[in-house]
Each structure stands twice: as C-alpha cells, then as structure tokens.
N, C-alpha and C. Protein backbone atom coordinates (compact mmCIF):
# COMPACT_ATOMS: atom_id res chain seq x y z
N MET A 1 0.31 -1.50 -0.36
CA MET A 1 0.10 0.30 0.29
C MET A 1 1.17 0.98 0.11
N PRO A 2 0.82 2.42 -0.63
CA PRO A 2 1.10 3.43 -1.21
C PRO A 2 1.29 4.46 0.25
N LEU A 3 1.95 4.87 0.48
CA LEU A 3 2.52 6.27 2.01
C LEU A 3 1.71 7.17 1.54
N ARG A 4 0.93 7.91 1.75
CA ARG A 4 0.16 8.99 1.28
C ARG A 4 0.46 9.94 2.04
N VAL A 5 0.48 11.11 1.96
CA VAL A 5 1.19 11.94 1.94
C VAL A 5 0.28 14.00 1.67
N ASP A 6 -0.48 14.25 2.20
CA ASP A 6 -1.70 14.82 2.68
C ASP A 6 -1.26 16.22 3.71
N VAL A 7 -2.09 17.29 2.69
CA VAL A 7 -2.06 18.91 3.45
C VAL A 7 -3.38 18.95 3.68
N GLU A 8 -4.28 19.61 4.45
CA GLU A 8 -5.93 20.00 5.27
C GLU A 8 -5.55 21.44 6.32
N GLY A 9 -5.93 22.14 5.06
CA GLY A 9 -6.33 23.58 6.23
C GLY A 9 -6.83 24.14 8.15
N LYS A 10 -5.56 24.72 8.70
CA LYS A 10 -7.09 24.38 9.55
C LYS A 10 -7.58 26.00 9.86
N GLY A 11 -7.58 27.11 9.28
CA GLY A 11 -8.14 28.05 9.75
C GLY A 11 -6.56 28.90 9.75
N CYS A 12 -7.45 28.93 11.03
CA CYS A 12 -5.91 30.87 11.36
C CYS A 12 -4.42 30.09 11.65
N ASP A 13 -5.06 28.60 11.49
CA ASP A 13 -3.75 27.80 13.20
C ASP A 13 -2.12 27.84 11.53
N GLY A 14 -2.98 28.18 10.05
CA GLY A 14 -2.50 27.49 8.85
C GLY A 14 -2.59 25.33 8.43
N PHE A 15 -1.53 24.88 8.35
CA PHE A 15 -1.89 23.48 7.80
C PHE A 15 -1.59 22.90 8.39
N THR A 16 -2.47 21.40 8.56
CA THR A 16 -1.67 20.20 8.96
C THR A 16 -1.38 19.04 7.85
N TYR A 17 0.36 19.33 8.03
CA TYR A 17 0.84 17.43 7.44
C TYR A 17 0.57 16.56 7.88
N GLY A 18 -0.19 15.10 6.16
CA GLY A 18 -0.83 14.07 7.07
C GLY A 18 0.47 13.34 6.38
N VAL A 19 1.08 12.09 7.05
CA VAL A 19 1.58 10.56 6.89
C VAL A 19 0.73 9.50 6.99
N ALA A 20 0.22 8.92 6.35
CA ALA A 20 -0.36 7.52 6.94
C ALA A 20 0.22 6.15 5.30
N PHE A 21 -0.93 5.47 5.55
CA PHE A 21 -0.51 3.94 4.19
C PHE A 21 -2.58 4.30 4.02
N ASP A 22 -2.53 4.33 2.93
CA ASP A 22 -3.46 4.28 1.57
C ASP A 22 -3.79 3.83 0.50
N PRO A 23 -4.75 3.57 0.11
CA PRO A 23 -4.60 3.38 -1.03
C PRO A 23 -4.89 4.18 -2.00
N LYS A 24 -4.19 3.68 -3.62
CA LYS A 24 -4.35 5.29 -4.93
C LYS A 24 -5.97 6.08 -4.33
N ASP A 25 -6.06 6.89 -5.28
CA ASP A 25 -7.96 7.24 -5.78
C ASP A 25 -7.13 7.48 -6.87
N GLU A 26 -8.58 7.40 -8.18
CA GLU A 26 -8.35 7.89 -8.97
C GLU A 26 -7.58 9.08 -9.55
N ASP A 27 -7.57 10.25 -8.71
CA ASP A 27 -7.26 11.18 -9.18
C ASP A 27 -5.75 11.42 -8.19
N ASP A 28 -5.55 11.06 -7.42
CA ASP A 28 -4.29 10.69 -6.87
C ASP A 28 -2.42 10.80 -8.83
N GLN A 29 -2.20 11.77 -7.75
CA GLN A 29 -0.68 11.88 -8.46
C GLN A 29 -0.11 10.13 -7.55
N LEU A 30 0.27 9.78 -8.35
CA LEU A 30 1.63 9.25 -7.76
C LEU A 30 3.31 8.89 -8.14
N TYR A 31 3.75 8.79 -7.50
CA TYR A 31 5.36 8.61 -6.95
C TYR A 31 6.02 7.30 -6.93
N LYS A 32 6.91 6.61 -7.66
CA LYS A 32 7.24 5.60 -7.12
C LYS A 32 9.00 5.95 -7.22
N PHE A 33 9.08 5.13 -6.16
CA PHE A 33 11.14 5.81 -5.60
C PHE A 33 11.58 4.07 -5.49
N THR A 34 12.61 3.33 -5.55
CA THR A 34 13.17 2.27 -4.86
C THR A 34 12.51 1.90 -4.10
N ASP A 35 11.69 1.84 -2.74
CA ASP A 35 11.39 0.98 -1.80
C ASP A 35 10.04 1.76 -1.39
N PHE A 36 9.68 2.19 -2.33
CA PHE A 36 8.10 2.81 -1.64
C PHE A 36 7.40 3.91 -2.93
N GLU A 37 5.44 3.57 -2.61
CA GLU A 37 4.93 4.40 -3.48
C GLU A 37 4.13 5.33 -2.32
N MET A 38 4.29 6.72 -3.18
CA MET A 38 4.00 7.94 -2.44
C MET A 38 2.68 8.07 -3.72
N VAL A 39 1.35 8.93 -2.81
CA VAL A 39 0.53 9.41 -3.29
C VAL A 39 -0.02 10.61 -2.87
N VAL A 40 -0.72 11.11 -3.20
CA VAL A 40 -0.37 12.51 -3.23
C VAL A 40 -2.12 12.59 -3.79
N ASP A 41 -2.91 13.50 -3.44
CA ASP A 41 -4.34 14.62 -3.93
C ASP A 41 -4.04 15.29 -4.57
N PRO A 42 -4.75 15.85 -5.66
CA PRO A 42 -4.29 16.50 -6.25
C PRO A 42 -4.22 18.89 -5.60
N VAL A 43 -5.28 17.86 -4.93
CA VAL A 43 -5.11 19.54 -3.69
C VAL A 43 -3.94 20.13 -3.03
N SER A 44 -3.70 18.64 -2.46
CA SER A 44 -2.54 18.82 -1.32
C SER A 44 -1.10 18.87 -1.89
N LEU A 45 -1.10 18.21 -3.51
CA LEU A 45 -0.50 18.50 -4.27
C LEU A 45 0.39 19.90 -4.87
N GLN A 46 -0.55 20.94 -4.85
CA GLN A 46 -0.55 22.68 -4.87
C GLN A 46 0.51 22.81 -3.18
N PHE A 47 0.22 22.59 -2.59
CA PHE A 47 0.91 22.56 -1.43
C PHE A 47 2.69 22.42 -0.73
N LEU A 48 2.64 20.90 -1.64
CA LEU A 48 3.74 19.87 -1.66
C LEU A 48 4.74 20.80 -2.23
N THR A 49 4.71 21.03 -3.44
CA THR A 49 5.25 21.06 -4.88
C THR A 49 6.60 22.24 -4.29
N ASN A 50 8.03 21.79 -4.49
CA ASN A 50 9.29 21.92 -4.09
C ASN A 50 9.61 21.66 -2.44
N SER A 51 8.58 21.35 -1.78
CA SER A 51 8.53 20.86 -0.32
C SER A 51 9.62 19.72 0.31
N GLU A 52 10.61 19.59 0.87
CA GLU A 52 11.83 18.62 0.92
C GLU A 52 10.76 17.28 2.35
N ILE A 53 10.52 16.07 2.42
CA ILE A 53 9.81 15.58 3.92
C ILE A 53 11.42 15.37 4.65
N GLU A 54 11.25 15.45 5.80
CA GLU A 54 12.30 14.14 6.17
C GLU A 54 12.44 13.73 7.08
N TRP A 55 13.16 12.64 7.29
CA TRP A 55 12.60 11.79 8.89
C TRP A 55 13.22 11.88 9.44
N VAL A 56 13.24 12.05 11.41
CA VAL A 56 14.60 12.66 11.79
C VAL A 56 13.81 11.07 13.39
N GLU A 57 15.15 11.33 13.07
CA GLU A 57 14.94 10.03 14.35
C GLU A 57 15.49 11.02 16.07
N THR A 58 15.97 11.14 16.66
CA THR A 58 16.26 11.72 18.33
C THR A 58 15.90 10.38 19.73
N ASN A 59 16.24 10.47 19.86
CA ASN A 59 16.55 9.42 21.68
C ASN A 59 14.46 9.68 22.32
N GLU A 60 13.74 10.50 22.17
CA GLU A 60 12.72 11.22 22.21
C GLU A 60 12.03 10.20 21.33
N GLU A 61 12.19 10.75 19.79
CA GLU A 61 10.82 10.44 19.32
C GLU A 61 11.90 9.89 17.12
N GLN A 62 10.37 9.60 16.48
CA GLN A 62 10.67 8.99 15.86
C GLN A 62 9.50 9.57 14.81
N ALA A 63 10.18 10.79 13.56
CA ALA A 63 8.88 11.63 13.11
C ALA A 63 9.02 12.41 12.01
N PHE A 64 8.32 11.97 11.23
CA PHE A 64 9.01 13.24 9.51
C PHE A 64 8.62 14.74 10.34
C-alpha cells in the first residue's frame, strides 16, 4: 500500500500535514521510489510542490 502525504487547512492555525498508508484514489498523483510508492491528492500537491519531507530520529521520537 502506498504512503499518502496530504495537507489540510486549519483556518487561522495554518496547515496540518498528514502521512499514512492509504490506497491510491483515481485522481491521485503516484510517485514510485526504489523502496516505496507515494500518493498525493491534487489539492495537497499544490502545497507540497518543491517541499522536502525529512525523517528524524532522536532519543525521544521518530517522526517526519
């Protein structure tokens, strides 16, 4: 199952970014990498263009 990255507007609080495993919808953009596939819906894509997602591991947490 591909990894979905999405963006949701939260009014005055700005945006919330989500990452979850989710099936591809018909209008999603599919990106294939060596070890995984990623899907992004058309609305989120406009906010994620030229963005970089980084995985961080510390003693306290592991997170994007």
